[in-house]
């Protein structure tokens, strides 16, 4: 099994930067309201940051799934790759990634029923989906109303909540897999 703790901490750091991005943009925009050119630069950099976050999270998800296979879990519904690509499939991306992550959480924690609800995973998914939906609506409302920058602070708070729950989930799954790896090795040499 691969030690994912360095990768988990990297994902956590990227999630923190991603969550801090919008508040930073809001503060800079408030301090320098006439810098329209920098707003475009911030949008491009923000999109690049979201892409980096998605890639780092996908790499961690893939390797955490491979760890389950290395630990001897052969009865999983999701392959390491499918846990990642379900995020990209229209319509199915509304629930399949939740199921894949819930299965990974339960298997990593030694839960024999992989389809049981995992509270932190469900909370993360609610923030992820709900935050993206509500955030898009609020961002559109703020764009239509010049005095609506306070709406963007709500979007930032939702992003921060998503990031915090994602960090907790990633670190707890990673720690559980480290213990799972120890148990698997003990069984091999018993």
Protein backbone atom coordinates (compact mmCIF):
# COMPACT_ATOMS: atom_id res chain seq x y z
CA UNK A 1 0.00 0.00 0.00
CA UNK A 2 1.14 3.48 -0.80
CA UNK A 3 1.52 6.09 1.94
CA UNK A 4 -0.83 8.86 0.79
CA UNK A 5 -0.19 11.24 3.69
CA UNK A 6 2.16 13.58 1.73
CA UNK A 7 -0.34 13.68 -1.14
CA UNK A 8 -3.23 14.21 1.29
CA UNK A 9 -1.43 17.19 2.84
CA UNK A 10 -0.73 18.58 -0.63
CA UNK A 11 -4.43 18.26 -1.51
CA UNK A 12 -5.29 19.96 1.79
CA UNK A 13 -2.92 22.85 1.06
CA UNK A 14 -4.34 23.29 -2.44
CA UNK A 15 -7.89 23.24 -1.05
CA UNK A 16 -6.96 25.97 1.45
CA UNK A 17 -5.50 28.14 -1.33
CA UNK A 18 -8.57 27.48 -3.49
CA UNK A 19 -10.93 28.43 -0.64
CA UNK A 20 -8.95 31.61 0.09
CA UNK A 21 -8.91 32.68 -3.55
CA UNK A 22 -12.34 34.35 -3.76
CA UNK A 23 -12.01 36.28 -0.48
CA UNK A 24 -8.61 37.51 -1.65
CA UNK A 25 -10.10 38.66 -4.96
CA UNK A 26 -12.96 40.41 -3.13
CA UNK A 27 -10.55 42.23 -0.83
CA UNK A 28 -8.26 43.32 -3.68
CA UNK A 29 -11.26 44.44 -5.74
CA UNK A 30 -12.59 46.45 -2.79
CA UNK A 31 -9.20 48.09 -2.25
CA UNK A 32 -8.58 48.78 -5.95
CA UNK A 33 -12.04 49.10 -7.58
CA UNK A 34 -10.78 50.62 -10.84
CA UNK A 35 -8.52 47.72 -11.76
CA UNK A 36 -10.82 45.98 -14.25
CA UNK A 37 -7.85 44.38 -16.02
CA UNK A 38 -6.85 42.64 -12.83
CA UNK A 39 -10.38 41.23 -12.47
CA UNK A 40 -9.91 39.33 -15.74
CA UNK A 41 -6.52 38.14 -14.56
CA UNK A 42 -8.10 36.96 -11.30
CA UNK A 43 -10.81 35.08 -13.22
CA UNK A 44 -8.24 33.25 -15.35
CA UNK A 45 -6.04 32.50 -12.33
CA UNK A 46 -9.10 31.39 -10.34
CA UNK A 47 -10.10 28.98 -13.10
CA UNK A 48 -6.55 27.63 -13.23
CA UNK A 49 -6.62 27.17 -9.43
CA UNK A 50 -9.89 25.21 -9.68
CA UNK A 51 -8.30 22.97 -12.31
CA UNK A 52 -5.22 22.36 -10.14
CA UNK A 53 -7.51 21.53 -7.20
CA UNK A 54 -9.56 19.09 -9.27
CA UNK A 55 -6.43 17.36 -10.60
CA UNK A 56 -4.85 17.02 -7.14
CA UNK A 57 -8.09 15.66 -5.68
CA UNK A 58 -8.45 13.23 -8.60
CA UNK A 59 -4.89 11.94 -8.14
CA UNK A 60 -5.47 11.39 -4.41
CA UNK A 61 -8.83 9.67 -5.11
CA UNK A 62 -7.26 7.34 -7.68
CA UNK A 63 -4.38 6.32 -5.41
CA UNK A 64 -6.65 5.86 -2.39
CA UNK A 65 -8.75 3.52 -4.54
CA UNK A 66 -5.61 1.60 -5.56
CA UNK A 67 -4.71 1.25 -1.88
CA UNK A 68 -8.00 -0.54 -1.28
CA UNK A 69 -7.17 -3.01 -4.05
CA UNK A 70 -3.68 -3.49 -2.59
CA UNK A 71 -5.27 -4.18 0.80
CA UNK A 72 -7.26 -7.02 -0.76
CA UNK A 73 -10.64 -5.40 -1.37
CA UNK A 74 -11.75 -7.13 -4.56
CA UNK A 75 -15.52 -6.80 -4.11
CA UNK A 76 -15.72 -3.03 -4.66
CA UNK A 77 -18.23 -1.57 -7.09
CA UNK A 78 -15.91 1.27 -8.11
CA UNK A 79 -12.47 0.96 -9.65
CA UNK A 80 -9.85 3.57 -8.77
CA UNK A 81 -10.34 5.23 -12.16
CA UNK A 82 -14.15 5.17 -12.04
CA UNK A 83 -14.09 7.08 -8.75
CA UNK A 84 -12.51 9.90 -10.76
CA UNK A 85 -14.31 9.76 -14.09
CA UNK A 86 -17.82 9.67 -12.60
CA UNK A 87 -17.22 13.34 -11.71
CA UNK A 88 -17.12 14.04 -15.48
CA UNK A 89 -20.23 12.14 -16.62
CA UNK A 90 -23.23 14.45 -17.05
CA UNK A 91 -26.26 13.66 -14.87
CA UNK A 92 -24.52 10.66 -13.26
CA UNK A 93 -22.06 13.09 -11.67
CA UNK A 94 -24.89 14.19 -9.39
CA UNK A 95 -24.70 11.00 -7.31
CA UNK A 96 -22.09 8.49 -8.53
CA UNK A 97 -19.06 10.32 -7.07
CA UNK A 98 -20.85 10.35 -3.70
CA UNK A 99 -21.35 6.58 -3.90
CA UNK A 100 -17.72 6.02 -4.91
CA UNK A 101 -16.38 8.17 -2.10
CA UNK A 102 -18.76 6.59 0.43
CA UNK A 103 -17.56 3.13 -0.62
CA UNK A 104 -13.95 4.26 -0.24
CA UNK A 105 -14.67 5.75 3.21
CA UNK A 106 -16.42 2.61 4.46
CA UNK A 107 -13.85 0.18 3.06
CA UNK A 108 -10.97 2.28 4.40
CA UNK A 109 -12.54 2.28 7.84
CA UNK A 110 -13.11 -1.50 7.76
CA UNK A 111 -16.89 -1.23 7.44
CA UNK A 112 -18.15 -4.42 5.75
CA UNK A 113 -21.22 -2.70 4.25
CA UNK A 114 -19.81 -0.28 1.70
CA UNK A 115 -23.14 1.38 0.92
CA UNK A 116 -23.82 2.66 4.45
CA UNK A 117 -24.08 6.40 4.76
CA UNK A 118 -20.91 8.08 5.95
CA UNK A 119 -21.79 11.39 7.63
CA UNK A 120 -18.69 13.38 6.68
CA UNK A 121 -18.79 12.15 3.07
CA UNK A 122 -22.48 13.07 2.81
CA UNK A 123 -21.81 16.51 4.32
CA UNK A 124 -18.93 17.07 1.88
CA UNK A 125 -21.17 16.10 -1.04
CA UNK A 126 -23.97 18.39 0.14
CA UNK A 127 -21.53 21.31 0.34
CA UNK A 128 -19.95 20.36 -2.99
CA UNK A 129 -23.20 20.09 -4.95
CA UNK A 130 -25.22 22.63 -3.02
CA UNK A 131 -22.36 25.09 -2.86
CA UNK A 132 -21.77 24.88 -6.60
CA UNK A 133 -25.47 25.31 -7.42
CA UNK A 134 -26.17 28.09 -4.91
CA UNK A 135 -22.80 29.67 -5.68
CA UNK A 136 -23.57 29.86 -9.40
CA UNK A 137 -26.95 31.48 -8.73
CA UNK A 138 -25.51 33.97 -6.24
CA UNK A 139 -22.58 34.81 -8.53
CA UNK A 140 -25.02 35.52 -11.39
CA UNK A 141 -27.11 37.69 -9.08
CA UNK A 142 -24.00 39.59 -7.94
CA UNK A 143 -22.93 40.16 -11.55
CA UNK A 144 -26.35 41.66 -12.33
CA UNK A 145 -26.31 43.94 -9.27
CA UNK A 146 -23.31 46.26 -8.85
CA UNK A 147 -23.92 46.44 -5.09
CA UNK A 148 -24.19 42.64 -4.80
CA UNK A 149 -20.62 41.91 -3.76
CA UNK A 150 -21.94 40.70 -0.40
CA UNK A 151 -23.44 37.76 -2.30
CA UNK A 152 -19.93 36.77 -3.36
CA UNK A 153 -18.95 36.58 0.32
CA UNK A 154 -21.68 33.96 0.75
CA UNK A 155 -20.25 32.06 -2.22
CA UNK A 156 -16.82 32.26 -0.56
CA UNK A 157 -18.25 30.90 2.70
CA UNK A 158 -19.77 27.95 0.83
CA UNK A 159 -16.44 27.30 -0.91
CA UNK A 160 -14.68 27.37 2.46
CA UNK A 161 -17.18 24.90 3.96
CA UNK A 162 -16.68 22.56 1.01
CA UNK A 163 -12.91 22.79 1.35
CA UNK A 164 -12.92 22.15 5.11
CA UNK A 165 -15.11 19.05 4.78
CA UNK A 166 -13.04 17.81 1.82
CA UNK A 167 -9.81 18.25 3.82
CA UNK A 168 -11.26 16.37 6.79
CA UNK A 169 -12.52 13.59 4.53
CA UNK A 170 -9.21 13.22 2.67
CA UNK A 171 -7.15 13.17 5.88
CA UNK A 172 -9.46 10.73 7.67
CA UNK A 173 -9.57 8.30 4.75
CA UNK A 174 -5.78 8.55 4.41
CA UNK A 175 -5.27 7.86 8.13
CA UNK A 176 -7.74 4.97 8.05
CA UNK A 177 -5.90 3.45 5.09
CA UNK A 178 -2.60 3.66 6.96
CA UNK A 179 -4.14 1.57 9.74
CA UNK A 180 -5.78 -0.70 7.21
CA UNK A 181 -2.42 -1.28 5.59
CA UNK A 182 -0.95 -2.30 8.94
CA UNK A 183 -3.81 -4.72 9.56
CA UNK A 184 -3.48 -6.19 6.07
CA UNK A 185 0.25 -6.79 6.57
CA UNK A 186 -0.39 -8.40 9.95
CA UNK A 187 -2.83 -10.84 8.34
CA UNK A 188 -0.34 -11.69 5.58
CA UNK A 189 2.38 -12.63 8.06
CA UNK A 190 0.07 -14.39 10.57
